[in-house]
């Protein structure tokens, strides 16, 4: 199979396990292909964890899940040095962060010190413990989930950490028709589990998509053409968040601090991945407009005036896309 065939097969398998979240599936694939970390936010029960597990299940990878809690310690994530009686010295015991795909479940329940333990791994793709540096696997990707409605006992992510997430993906309610499909899907899974418990022969499972296909797809994405006008459009979108008053009176009132250069890099990487998934060898303005909300919504600090008016980050991004001239 070609890299495109492999990725499309991965998308189809995830679609069989997740109903009504095709946008989330696409964003997970973009994050995987763009070699970035994702922050997935949604109300309880919207299949955030299930979607990430579906990706890990159908991909040749080592998967690790970390349930973040207030009593978690940094060493519980990164690992620590332990004494070995065999050698009479200390050796490094890797923590759960050392996996290809890492699910940081309910990341905002852990205190800042634990959240900070992820910073080096997410940005530098390495962890330093006891003065020694340990590299992460080549496919390393952090997918963190958080619940937006519970505030008690949680620690909001610092801006330095949210900026390190390539995209901030929002998961919304399914439609009535999709919820009916969810009921049927879960019922069929329960029937299959009962059949397996009664010693019935298990259903054959397809071979996971090899990592080599993802690395090959990344090489193809790196070769996708982005015209100078497209590159300027990326920079203009980010610049509009830094000098909002020049792009509109409302934007000037709403935005307190704009996006960092990481936003421009994320637009480039995600735009290329989106174009590749669409079957094109060039980046189109619509590719950038499609990924802009996920790239920018967590990188904007809104003013108290905007918060008082109930202006959401997506509303601000929508205004930016409507104001900045297309190439």
C-alpha atoms as a PDB file:
ATOM      1  CA  UNK A   1       0.000   0.000   0.000  1.00  0.00           C
ATOM      2  CA  UNK A   2       1.059   3.575  -0.592  1.00  0.00           C
ATOM      3  CA  UNK A   3       1.338   5.931   2.392  1.00  0.00           C
ATOM      4  CA  UNK A   4      -1.959   7.527   1.341  1.00  0.00           C
ATOM      5  CA  UNK A   5      -3.699   4.142   1.211  1.00  0.00           C
ATOM      6  CA  UNK A   6      -2.375   3.318   4.678  1.00  0.00           C
ATOM      7  CA  UNK A   7      -3.580   6.600   6.176  1.00  0.00           C
ATOM      8  CA  UNK A   8      -6.995   6.255   4.529  1.00  0.00           C
ATOM      9  CA  UNK A   9      -7.247   2.719   5.919  1.00  0.00           C
ATOM     10  CA  UNK A  10      -6.390   4.109   9.362  1.00  0.00           C
ATOM     11  CA  UNK A  11      -9.074   6.784   8.979  1.00  0.00           C
ATOM     12  CA  UNK A  12     -11.662   4.159   7.948  1.00  0.00           C
ATOM     13  CA  UNK A  13     -10.871   1.888  10.905  1.00  0.00           C
ATOM     14  CA  UNK A  14     -11.134   4.780  13.347  1.00  0.00           C
ATOM     15  CA  UNK A  15     -14.467   5.719  11.755  1.00  0.00           C
ATOM     16  CA  UNK A  16     -15.782   2.241  12.533  1.00  0.00           C
ATOM     17  CA  UNK A  17     -15.019   2.730  16.240  1.00  0.00           C
ATOM     18  CA  UNK A  18     -16.100   6.382  16.508  1.00  0.00           C
ATOM     19  CA  UNK A  19     -19.510   7.641  15.385  1.00  0.00           C
ATOM     20  CA  UNK A  20     -20.252  11.275  14.596  1.00  0.00           C
ATOM     21  CA  UNK A  21     -16.753  12.638  15.219  1.00  0.00           C
ATOM     22  CA  UNK A  22     -15.254  12.681  11.730  1.00  0.00           C
ATOM     23  CA  UNK A  23     -13.803  16.131  12.376  1.00  0.00           C
ATOM     24  CA  UNK A  24     -12.014  14.851  15.482  1.00  0.00           C
ATOM     25  CA  UNK A  25     -10.658  11.855  13.569  1.00  0.00           C
ATOM     26  CA  UNK A  26      -9.301  14.155  10.863  1.00  0.00           C
ATOM     27  CA  UNK A  27      -7.654  16.399  13.462  1.00  0.00           C
ATOM     28  CA  UNK A  28      -6.018  13.404  15.145  1.00  0.00           C
ATOM     29  CA  UNK A  29      -4.630  12.309  11.783  1.00  0.00           C
ATOM     30  CA  UNK A  30      -3.397  15.833  11.023  1.00  0.00           C
ATOM     31  CA  UNK A  31      -1.631  15.933  14.384  1.00  0.00           C
ATOM     32  CA  UNK A  32      -0.041  12.542  13.682  1.00  0.00           C
ATOM     33  CA  UNK A  33       1.051  13.507  10.164  1.00  0.00           C
ATOM     34  CA  UNK A  34       2.267  16.968  11.240  1.00  0.00           C
ATOM     35  CA  UNK A  35       4.283  15.453  14.110  1.00  0.00           C
ATOM     36  CA  UNK A  36       2.632  17.574  16.796  1.00  0.00           C
ATOM     37  CA  UNK A  37       0.872  17.311  20.155  1.00  0.00           C
ATOM     38  CA  UNK A  38      -2.886  17.737  20.562  1.00  0.00           C
ATOM     39  CA  UNK A  39      -5.104  19.130  23.316  1.00  0.00           C
ATOM     40  CA  UNK A  40      -8.573  17.560  23.023  1.00  0.00           C
ATOM     41  CA  UNK A  41     -11.345  19.287  24.986  1.00  0.00           C
ATOM     42  CA  UNK A  42     -14.972  18.332  25.384  1.00  0.00           C
ATOM     43  CA  UNK A  43     -17.722  17.489  27.825  1.00  0.00           C
ATOM     44  CA  UNK A  44     -17.710  14.069  29.538  1.00  0.00           C
ATOM     45  CA  UNK A  45     -18.826  11.113  27.444  1.00  0.00           C
ATOM     46  CA  UNK A  46     -18.011  12.525  24.014  1.00  0.00           C
ATOM     47  CA  UNK A  47     -15.511   9.769  23.121  1.00  0.00           C
ATOM     48  CA  UNK A  48     -12.347  11.838  23.518  1.00  0.00           C
ATOM     49  CA  UNK A  49     -10.418   8.984  25.091  1.00  0.00           C
ATOM     50  CA  UNK A  50     -12.073   6.441  22.803  1.00  0.00           C
ATOM     51  CA  UNK A  51     -10.971   8.327  19.688  1.00  0.00           C
ATOM     52  CA  UNK A  52      -7.360   8.438  20.845  1.00  0.00           C
ATOM     53  CA  UNK A  53      -7.440   4.755  21.786  1.00  0.00           C
ATOM     54  CA  UNK A  54      -8.896   3.921  18.361  1.00  0.00           C
ATOM     55  CA  UNK A  55      -5.905   5.641  16.762  1.00  0.00           C
ATOM     56  CA  UNK A  56      -3.437   3.728  18.939  1.00  0.00           C
ATOM     57  CA  UNK A  57      -5.220   0.395  18.423  1.00  0.00           C
ATOM     58  CA  UNK A  58      -5.009   0.565  14.644  1.00  0.00           C
ATOM     59  CA  UNK A  59      -1.450   1.873  14.445  1.00  0.00           C
ATOM     60  CA  UNK A  60       1.741  -0.063  15.022  1.00  0.00           C
ATOM     61  CA  UNK A  61       2.844   1.717  18.183  1.00  0.00           C
ATOM     62  CA  UNK A  62       3.482   1.525  21.905  1.00  0.00           C
ATOM     63  CA  UNK A  63       0.554   3.209  23.667  1.00  0.00           C
ATOM     64  CA  UNK A  64       0.578   4.641  27.178  1.00  0.00           C
ATOM     65  CA  UNK A  65      -2.219   6.234  29.175  1.00  0.00           C
ATOM     66  CA  UNK A  66      -1.567   8.509  32.144  1.00  0.00           C
ATOM     67  CA  UNK A  67      -4.560   9.377  34.326  1.00  0.00           C
ATOM     68  CA  UNK A  68      -3.706  12.786  35.754  1.00  0.00           C
ATOM     69  CA  UNK A  69      -4.717  13.338  39.382  1.00  0.00           C
ATOM     70  CA  UNK A  70      -3.850  16.016  41.999  1.00  0.00           C
ATOM     71  CA  UNK A  71      -1.457  13.672  43.830  1.00  0.00           C
ATOM     72  CA  UNK A  72       0.582  12.770  40.728  1.00  0.00           C
ATOM     73  CA  UNK A  73       4.330  13.452  40.900  1.00  0.00           C
ATOM     74  CA  UNK A  74       6.628  14.463  38.021  1.00  0.00           C
ATOM     75  CA  UNK A  75       8.577  11.217  38.409  1.00  0.00           C
ATOM     76  CA  UNK A  76       5.313   9.303  37.931  1.00  0.00           C
ATOM     77  CA  UNK A  77       5.299  10.698  34.390  1.00  0.00           C
ATOM     78  CA  UNK A  78       8.940  10.917  33.322  1.00  0.00           C
ATOM     79  CA  UNK A  79      10.416   8.078  35.361  1.00  0.00           C
ATOM     80  CA  UNK A  80      13.135   8.066  38.004  1.00  0.00           C
ATOM     81  CA  UNK A  81      16.460   6.555  38.935  1.00  0.00           C
ATOM     82  CA  UNK A  82      16.276   3.452  41.118  1.00  0.00           C
ATOM     83  CA  UNK A  83      18.982   1.552  42.954  1.00  0.00           C
ATOM     84  CA  UNK A  84      19.997  -1.758  41.407  1.00  0.00           C
ATOM     85  CA  UNK A  85      21.333  -4.431  43.755  1.00  0.00           C
ATOM     86  CA  UNK A  86      22.815  -6.289  40.791  1.00  0.00           C
ATOM     87  CA  UNK A  87      25.092  -3.453  39.709  1.00  0.00           C
ATOM     88  CA  UNK A  88      25.364  -1.618  43.013  1.00  0.00           C
ATOM     89  CA  UNK A  89      24.425   1.634  41.297  1.00  0.00           C
ATOM     90  CA  UNK A  90      21.440   3.583  40.041  1.00  0.00           C
ATOM     91  CA  UNK A  91      19.674   2.980  36.742  1.00  0.00           C
ATOM     92  CA  UNK A  92      16.950   4.904  35.005  1.00  0.00           C
ATOM     93  CA  UNK A  93      13.438   3.412  35.140  1.00  0.00           C
ATOM     94  CA  UNK A  94      11.449   5.012  32.275  1.00  0.00           C
ATOM     95  CA  UNK A  95       8.021   6.394  33.075  1.00  0.00           C
ATOM     96  CA  UNK A  96       4.852   6.096  30.998  1.00  0.00           C
ATOM     97  CA  UNK A  97       5.845   9.139  28.925  1.00  0.00           C
ATOM     98  CA  UNK A  98       8.225   6.859  27.004  1.00  0.00           C
ATOM     99  CA  UNK A  99       5.773   5.555  24.426  1.00  0.00           C
ATOM    100  CA  UNK A 100       4.924   6.298  20.813  1.00  0.00           C
ATOM    101  CA  UNK A 101       1.453   7.648  21.605  1.00  0.00           C
ATOM    102  CA  UNK A 102       0.805   9.057  25.078  1.00  0.00           C
ATOM    103  CA  UNK A 103      -2.703   9.813  26.330  1.00  0.00           C
ATOM    104  CA  UNK A 104      -2.585  12.421  29.111  1.00  0.00           C
ATOM    105  CA  UNK A 105      -6.126  11.993  30.394  1.00  0.00           C
ATOM    106  CA  UNK A 106      -7.647  15.004  32.193  1.00  0.00           C
ATOM    107  CA  UNK A 107      -4.335  16.830  32.145  1.00  0.00           C
ATOM    108  CA  UNK A 108      -5.733  19.856  34.006  1.00  0.00           C
ATOM    109  CA  UNK A 109      -6.290  17.752  37.151  1.00  0.00           C
ATOM    110  CA  UNK A 110      -2.537  17.564  37.797  1.00  0.00           C
ATOM    111  CA  UNK A 111      -0.627  20.371  39.574  1.00  0.00           C
ATOM    112  CA  UNK A 112       1.645  22.705  37.597  1.00  0.00           C
ATOM    113  CA  UNK A 113       4.829  20.854  38.568  1.00  0.00           C
ATOM    114  CA  UNK A 114       3.564  17.693  36.868  1.00  0.00           C
ATOM    115  CA  UNK A 115       2.312  19.632  33.854  1.00  0.00           C
ATOM    116  CA  UNK A 116       5.756  21.206  33.567  1.00  0.00           C
ATOM    117  CA  UNK A 117       7.308  17.740  33.444  1.00  0.00           C
ATOM    118  CA  UNK A 118       5.690  17.354  30.033  1.00  0.00           C
ATOM    119  CA  UNK A 119       7.171  20.572  28.626  1.00  0.00           C
ATOM    120  CA  UNK A 120      10.617  19.236  27.748  1.00  0.00           C
ATOM    121  CA  UNK A 121       9.203  15.999  26.356  1.00  0.00           C
ATOM    122  CA  UNK A 122       6.646  17.803  24.187  1.00  0.00           C
ATOM    123  CA  UNK A 123       9.011  20.476  22.860  1.00  0.00           C
ATOM    124  CA  UNK A 124      12.465  18.886  22.893  1.00  0.00           C
ATOM    125  CA  UNK A 125      11.396  15.244  22.449  1.00  0.00           C
ATOM    126  CA  UNK A 126      13.602  14.284  25.362  1.00  0.00           C
ATOM    127  CA  UNK A 127      13.569  14.000  29.154  1.00  0.00           C
ATOM    128  CA  UNK A 128      16.422  14.868  31.508  1.00  0.00           C
ATOM    129  CA  UNK A 129      16.576  12.935  34.797  1.00  0.00           C
ATOM    130  CA  UNK A 130      19.554  12.924  37.133  1.00  0.00           C
ATOM    131  CA  UNK A 131      21.653  14.886  34.649  1.00  0.00           C
ATOM    132  CA  UNK A 132      21.160  12.304  31.888  1.00  0.00           C
ATOM    133  CA  UNK A 133      19.113  12.962  28.743  1.00  0.00           C
ATOM    134  CA  UNK A 134      16.788  10.279  27.423  1.00  0.00           C
ATOM    135  CA  UNK A 135      15.357  10.590  23.916  1.00  0.00           C
ATOM    136  CA  UNK A 136      11.707   9.936  23.101  1.00  0.00           C
ATOM    137  CA  UNK A 137      10.651   7.450  20.389  1.00  0.00           C
ATOM    138  CA  UNK A 138      10.593   8.834  16.811  1.00  0.00           C
ATOM    139  CA  UNK A 139       6.783   8.680  16.585  1.00  0.00           C
ATOM    140  CA  UNK A 140       6.305  10.355  19.984  1.00  0.00           C
ATOM    141  CA  UNK A 141       3.032  12.273  20.284  1.00  0.00           C
ATOM    142  CA  UNK A 142       1.147  13.566  23.325  1.00  0.00           C
ATOM    143  CA  UNK A 143      -2.644  13.728  23.175  1.00  0.00           C
ATOM    144  CA  UNK A 144      -4.067  15.424  26.255  1.00  0.00           C
ATOM    145  CA  UNK A 145      -7.738  15.641  27.213  1.00  0.00           C
ATOM    146  CA  UNK A 146      -9.445  18.090  29.515  1.00  0.00           C
ATOM    147  CA  UNK A 147     -12.955  18.711  30.773  1.00  0.00           C
ATOM    148  CA  UNK A 148     -14.096  22.336  30.300  1.00  0.00           C
ATOM    149  CA  UNK A 149     -16.877  22.403  32.888  1.00  0.00           C
ATOM    150  CA  UNK A 150     -15.184  21.211  36.087  1.00  0.00           C
ATOM    151  CA  UNK A 151     -13.085  23.872  37.817  1.00  0.00           C
ATOM    152  CA  UNK A 152     -12.853  22.574  41.397  1.00  0.00           C
ATOM    153  CA  UNK A 153      -9.677  20.580  41.943  1.00  0.00           C
ATOM    154  CA  UNK A 154      -8.229  21.496  38.555  1.00  0.00           C
ATOM    155  CA  UNK A 155      -5.197  23.536  37.521  1.00  0.00           C
ATOM    156  CA  UNK A 156      -5.580  25.566  34.308  1.00  0.00           C
ATOM    157  CA  UNK A 157      -2.790  24.852  31.857  1.00  0.00           C
ATOM    158  CA  UNK A 158      -0.158  27.618  31.760  1.00  0.00           C
ATOM    159  CA  UNK A 159       0.139  29.511  28.498  1.00  0.00           C
ATOM    160  CA  UNK A 160       3.692  28.246  27.999  1.00  0.00           C
ATOM    161  CA  UNK A 161       2.317  24.712  27.854  1.00  0.00           C
ATOM    162  CA  UNK A 162      -0.800  25.320  25.766  1.00  0.00           C
ATOM    163  CA  UNK A 163       1.396  27.020  23.165  1.00  0.00           C
ATOM    164  CA  UNK A 164       3.279  23.750  22.782  1.00  0.00           C
ATOM    165  CA  UNK A 165       0.165  21.965  21.580  1.00  0.00           C
ATOM    166  CA  UNK A 166      -0.025  21.998  17.805  1.00  0.00           C
ATOM    167  CA  UNK A 167      -3.826  22.152  17.889  1.00  0.00           C
ATOM    168  CA  UNK A 168      -6.626  22.579  20.411  1.00  0.00           C
ATOM    169  CA  UNK A 169      -9.434  20.297  19.235  1.00  0.00           C
ATOM    170  CA  UNK A 170     -12.996  20.797  20.489  1.00  0.00           C
ATOM    171  CA  UNK A 171     -15.366  17.806  20.657  1.00  0.00           C
ATOM    172  CA  UNK A 172     -19.061  18.643  20.342  1.00  0.00           C
ATOM    173  CA  UNK A 173     -22.361  16.808  20.857  1.00  0.00           C
ATOM    174  CA  UNK A 174     -23.402  14.238  18.243  1.00  0.00           C
ATOM    175  CA  UNK A 175     -26.652  14.640  16.310  1.00  0.00           C
ATOM    176  CA  UNK A 176     -29.705  12.529  17.171  1.00  0.00           C
ATOM    177  CA  UNK A 177     -29.050  10.218  14.225  1.00  0.00           C
ATOM    178  CA  UNK A 178     -25.413   9.817  15.240  1.00  0.00           C
ATOM    179  CA  UNK A 179     -26.399   9.076  18.828  1.00  0.00           C
ATOM    180  CA  UNK A 180     -28.636   6.260  17.599  1.00  0.00           C
ATOM    181  CA  UNK A 181     -25.605   4.841  15.782  1.00  0.00           C
ATOM    182  CA  UNK A 182     -23.602   5.130  19.016  1.00  0.00           C
ATOM    183  CA  UNK A 183     -26.205   3.040  20.831  1.00  0.00           C
ATOM    184  CA  UNK A 184     -26.070   0.373  18.144  1.00  0.00           C
ATOM    185  CA  UNK A 185     -22.273   0.365  18.048  1.00  0.00           C
ATOM    186  CA  UNK A 186     -21.868  -0.065  21.802  1.00  0.00           C
ATOM    187  CA  UNK A 187     -24.546  -2.779  21.839  1.00  0.00           C
ATOM    188  CA  UNK A 188     -22.720  -4.716  19.106  1.00  0.00           C
ATOM    189  CA  UNK A 189     -19.452  -4.392  21.021  1.00  0.00           C
ATOM    190  CA  UNK A 190     -21.087  -5.775  24.166  1.00  0.00           C
ATOM    191  CA  UNK A 191     -22.445  -8.729  22.187  1.00  0.00           C
ATOM    192  CA  UNK A 192     -18.986  -9.395  20.746  1.00  0.00           C
ATOM    193  CA  UNK A 193     -17.428  -9.220  24.213  1.00  0.00           C
ATOM    194  CA  UNK A 194     -19.953 -11.701  25.589  1.00  0.00           C
ATOM    195  CA  UNK A 195     -19.296 -14.070  22.692  1.00  0.00           C
ATOM    196  CA  UNK A 196     -15.561 -13.895  23.348  1.00  0.00           C
ATOM    197  CA  UNK A 197     -16.131 -14.579  27.062  1.00  0.00           C
ATOM    198  CA  UNK A 198     -18.039 -17.761  26.138  1.00  0.00           C
ATOM    199  CA  UNK A 199     -14.948 -19.152  24.396  1.00  0.00           C
ATOM    200  CA  UNK A 200     -16.277 -18.422  20.936  1.00  0.00           C
ATOM    201  CA  UNK A 201     -13.525 -17.913  18.332  1.00  0.00           C
ATOM    202  CA  UNK A 202     -12.508 -14.239  18.311  1.00  0.00           C
ATOM    203  CA  UNK A 203     -13.198 -12.184  15.225  1.00  0.00           C
ATOM    204  CA  UNK A 204     -10.118 -11.657  13.060  1.00  0.00           C
ATOM    205  CA  UNK A 205      -8.463  -8.276  13.509  1.00  0.00           C
ATOM    206  CA  UNK A 206      -6.612  -6.532  10.681  1.00  0.00           C
ATOM    207  CA  UNK A 207      -2.903  -5.893  10.927  1.00  0.00           C
ATOM    208  CA  UNK A 208      -2.095  -2.450  12.370  1.00  0.00           C
ATOM    209  CA  UNK A 209      -0.874   0.270  10.043  1.00  0.00           C
ATOM    210  CA  UNK A 210       2.951   0.250  10.154  1.00  0.00           C
ATOM    211  CA  UNK A 211       4.866   3.242  11.461  1.00  0.00           C
ATOM    212  CA  UNK A 212       6.876   3.300   8.240  1.00  0.00           C
ATOM    213  CA  UNK A 213       3.736   4.425   6.389  1.00  0.00           C
ATOM    214  CA  UNK A 214       3.379   7.447   8.702  1.00  0.00           C
ATOM    215  CA  UNK A 215       7.023   8.435   8.271  1.00  0.00           C
ATOM    216  CA  UNK A 216       6.685   8.079   4.481  1.00  0.00           C
ATOM    217  CA  UNK A 217       3.547  10.240   4.541  1.00  0.00           C
ATOM    218  CA  UNK A 218       5.411  12.891   6.548  1.00  0.00           C
ATOM    219  CA  UNK A 219       8.127  13.004   3.885  1.00  0.00           C
ATOM    220  CA  UNK A 220       5.499  13.531   1.193  1.00  0.00           C
ATOM    221  CA  UNK A 221       3.854  16.275   3.261  1.00  0.00           C
ATOM    222  CA  UNK A 222       7.191  18.053   3.723  1.00  0.00           C
ATOM    223  CA  UNK A 223       7.501  18.210  -0.082  1.00  0.00           C
ATOM    224  CA  UNK A 224       4.070  19.823  -0.602  1.00  0.00           C
ATOM    225  CA  UNK A 225       4.361  23.217  -2.282  1.00  0.00           C
ATOM    226  CA  UNK A 226       3.352  26.396  -0.484  1.00  0.00           C
ATOM    227  CA  UNK A 227       3.471  29.490  -2.704  1.00  0.00           C
ATOM    228  CA  UNK A 228       4.994  32.720  -1.330  1.00  0.00           C
ATOM    229  CA  UNK A 229       1.512  34.268  -1.263  1.00  0.00           C
ATOM    230  CA  UNK A 230       0.296  31.371   0.912  1.00  0.00           C
ATOM    231  CA  UNK A 231       3.239  31.815   3.277  1.00  0.00           C
ATOM    232  CA  UNK A 232       2.447  35.516   3.536  1.00  0.00           C
ATOM    233  CA  UNK A 233      -1.198  34.664   4.265  1.00  0.00           C
ATOM    234  CA  UNK A 234      -0.089  32.481   7.202  1.00  0.00           C
ATOM    235  CA  UNK A 235       1.994  35.339   8.589  1.00  0.00           C
ATOM    236  CA  UNK A 236      -0.823  37.844   8.048  1.00  0.00           C
ATOM    237  CA  UNK A 237      -3.273  35.684  10.017  1.00  0.00           C
ATOM    238  CA  UNK A 238      -0.902  35.518  12.971  1.00  0.00           C
ATOM    239  CA  UNK A 239       0.032  39.192  12.676  1.00  0.00           C
ATOM    240  CA  UNK A 240      -3.660  40.078  12.943  1.00  0.00           C
ATOM    241  CA  UNK A 241      -3.655  38.597  16.453  1.00  0.00           C
ATOM    242  CA  UNK A 242      -0.706  40.822  17.482  1.00  0.00           C
ATOM    243  CA  UNK A 243      -1.913  44.110  16.010  1.00  0.00           C
ATOM    244  CA  UNK A 244      -5.669  43.517  16.180  1.00  0.00           C
ATOM    245  CA  UNK A 245      -6.634  47.199  16.218  1.00  0.00           C
ATOM    246  CA  UNK A 246      -5.238  47.546  12.689  1.00  0.00           C
ATOM    247  CA  UNK A 247      -7.674  44.891  11.485  1.00  0.00           C
ATOM    248  CA  UNK A 248     -10.835  46.073  13.200  1.00  0.00           C
ATOM    249  CA  UNK A 249     -12.173  47.923  16.218  1.00  0.00           C
ATOM    250  CA  UNK A 250     -13.752  44.794  17.715  1.00  0.00           C
ATOM    251  CA  UNK A 251     -10.540  42.780  17.353  1.00  0.00           C
ATOM    252  CA  UNK A 252      -8.653  45.590  19.061  1.00  0.00           C
ATOM    253  CA  UNK A 253     -11.005  45.397  22.038  1.00  0.00           C
ATOM    254  CA  UNK A 254     -11.097  41.620  22.207  1.00  0.00           C
ATOM    255  CA  UNK A 255      -7.450  40.504  21.929  1.00  0.00           C
ATOM    256  CA  UNK A 256      -5.053  41.293  24.761  1.00  0.00           C
ATOM    257  CA  UNK A 257      -2.082  39.133  23.686  1.00  0.00           C
ATOM    258  CA  UNK A 258      -1.671  37.538  20.267  1.00  0.00           C
ATOM    259  CA  UNK A 259      -0.166  34.281  19.053  1.00  0.00           C
ATOM    260  CA  UNK A 260       3.532  33.400  19.091  1.00  0.00           C
ATOM    261  CA  UNK A 261       5.608  32.332  16.045  1.00  0.00           C
ATOM    262  CA  UNK A 262       4.655  28.756  16.914  1.00  0.00           C
ATOM    263  CA  UNK A 263       1.233  29.596  15.460  1.00  0.00           C
ATOM    264  CA  UNK A 264       2.752  30.361  12.045  1.00  0.00           C
ATOM    265  CA  UNK A 265       4.723  27.116  12.122  1.00  0.00           C
ATOM    266  CA  UNK A 266       1.606  25.194  13.157  1.00  0.00           C
ATOM    267  CA  UNK A 267      -0.432  26.748  10.328  1.00  0.00           C
ATOM    268  CA  UNK A 268       2.241  25.637   7.866  1.00  0.00           C
ATOM    269  CA  UNK A 269       2.466  22.077   9.167  1.00  0.00           C
ATOM    270  CA  UNK A 270      -1.277  21.561   9.613  1.00  0.00           C
ATOM    271  CA  UNK A 271      -2.088  23.240   6.305  1.00  0.00           C
ATOM    272  CA  UNK A 272       0.286  20.909   4.478  1.00  0.00           C
ATOM    273  CA  UNK A 273      -1.175  17.855   6.214  1.00  0.00           C
ATOM    274  CA  UNK A 274      -4.731  19.007   5.403  1.00  0.00           C
ATOM    275  CA  UNK A 275      -3.795  19.476   1.731  1.00  0.00           C
ATOM    276  CA  UNK A 276      -2.176  16.031   1.620  1.00  0.00           C
ATOM    277  CA  UNK A 277      -5.267  14.392   3.095  1.00  0.00           C
ATOM    278  CA  UNK A 278      -7.317  16.162   0.408  1.00  0.00           C
ATOM    279  CA  UNK A 279      -5.109  14.617  -2.277  1.00  0.00           C
ATOM    280  CA  UNK A 280      -3.327  17.802  -3.375  1.00  0.00           C
ATOM    281  CA  UNK A 281       0.374  18.548  -3.720  1.00  0.00           C
ATOM    282  CA  UNK A 282      -0.011  22.244  -2.919  1.00  0.00           C
ATOM    283  CA  UNK A 283      -1.439  24.293  -0.047  1.00  0.00           C
ATOM    284  CA  UNK A 284      -4.679  26.139  -0.743  1.00  0.00           C
ATOM    285  CA  UNK A 285      -6.016  29.091   1.334  1.00  0.00           C
ATOM    286  CA  UNK A 286      -8.943  26.870   2.338  1.00  0.00           C
ATOM    287  CA  UNK A 287      -6.497  24.443   3.950  1.00  0.00           C
ATOM    288  CA  UNK A 288      -5.305  27.228   6.242  1.00  0.00           C
ATOM    289  CA  UNK A 289      -8.838  28.466   6.943  1.00  0.00           C
ATOM    290  CA  UNK A 290      -9.883  24.906   7.852  1.00  0.00           C
ATOM    291  CA  UNK A 291      -7.168  24.453  10.491  1.00  0.00           C
ATOM    292  CA  UNK A 292      -6.906  28.069  11.732  1.00  0.00           C
ATOM    293  CA  UNK A 293      -9.477  27.736  14.572  1.00  0.00           C
ATOM    294  CA  UNK A 294      -7.706  24.659  16.001  1.00  0.00           C
ATOM    295  CA  UNK A 295      -4.300  26.323  15.677  1.00  0.00           C
ATOM    296  CA  UNK A 296      -5.227  29.733  17.099  1.00  0.00           C
ATOM    297  CA  UNK A 297      -8.005  29.267  19.678  1.00  0.00           C
ATOM    298  CA  UNK A 298      -5.642  28.295  22.512  1.00  0.00           C
ATOM    299  CA  UNK A 299      -2.963  30.834  21.609  1.00  0.00           C
ATOM    300  CA  UNK A 300      -5.057  33.961  22.129  1.00  0.00           C
ATOM    301  CA  UNK A 301      -5.462  35.775  25.425  1.00  0.00           C
ATOM    302  CA  UNK A 302      -8.751  37.629  25.330  1.00  0.00           C
ATOM    303  CA  UNK A 303      -9.353  40.873  27.201  1.00  0.00           C
ATOM    304  CA  UNK A 304     -11.663  41.205  30.188  1.00  0.00           C
ATOM    305  CA  UNK A 305     -13.977  43.156  27.929  1.00  0.00           C
ATOM    306  CA  UNK A 306     -14.255  40.228  25.518  1.00  0.00           C
ATOM    307  CA  UNK A 307     -14.845  37.798  28.371  1.00  0.00           C
ATOM    308  CA  UNK A 308     -17.491  40.106  29.811  1.00  0.00           C
ATOM    309  CA  UNK A 309     -19.271  40.192  26.462  1.00  0.00           C
ATOM    310  CA  UNK A 310     -19.113  36.409  26.213  1.00  0.00           C
ATOM    311  CA  UNK A 311     -16.872  36.467  23.137  1.00  0.00           C
ATOM    312  CA  UNK A 312     -15.331  33.039  22.571  1.00  0.00           C
ATOM    313  CA  UNK A 313     -11.922  32.497  20.932  1.00  0.00           C
ATOM    314  CA  UNK A 314     -13.628  30.899  17.923  1.00  0.00           C
ATOM    315  CA  UNK A 315     -15.618  34.090  17.383  1.00  0.00           C
ATOM    316  CA  UNK A 316     -12.356  36.046  17.359  1.00  0.00           C
ATOM    317  CA  UNK A 317     -10.737  33.644  14.886  1.00  0.00           C
ATOM    318  CA  UNK A 318     -13.824  33.856  12.683  1.00  0.00           C
ATOM    319  CA  UNK A 319     -13.489  37.654  12.621  1.00  0.00           C
ATOM    320  CA  UNK A 320      -9.786  37.391  11.754  1.00  0.00           C
ATOM    321  CA  UNK A 321     -10.519  35.046   8.842  1.00  0.00           C
ATOM    322  CA  UNK A 322     -13.199  37.430   7.599  1.00  0.00           C
ATOM    323  CA  UNK A 323     -10.909  40.471   7.871  1.00  0.00           C
ATOM    324  CA  UNK A 324      -7.505  39.307   6.593  1.00  0.00           C
ATOM    325  CA  UNK A 325      -7.380  39.482   2.787  1.00  0.00           C
ATOM    326  CA  UNK A 326      -7.073  36.212   0.902  1.00  0.00           C
ATOM    327  CA  UNK A 327      -3.992  35.763  -1.317  1.00  0.00           C
END
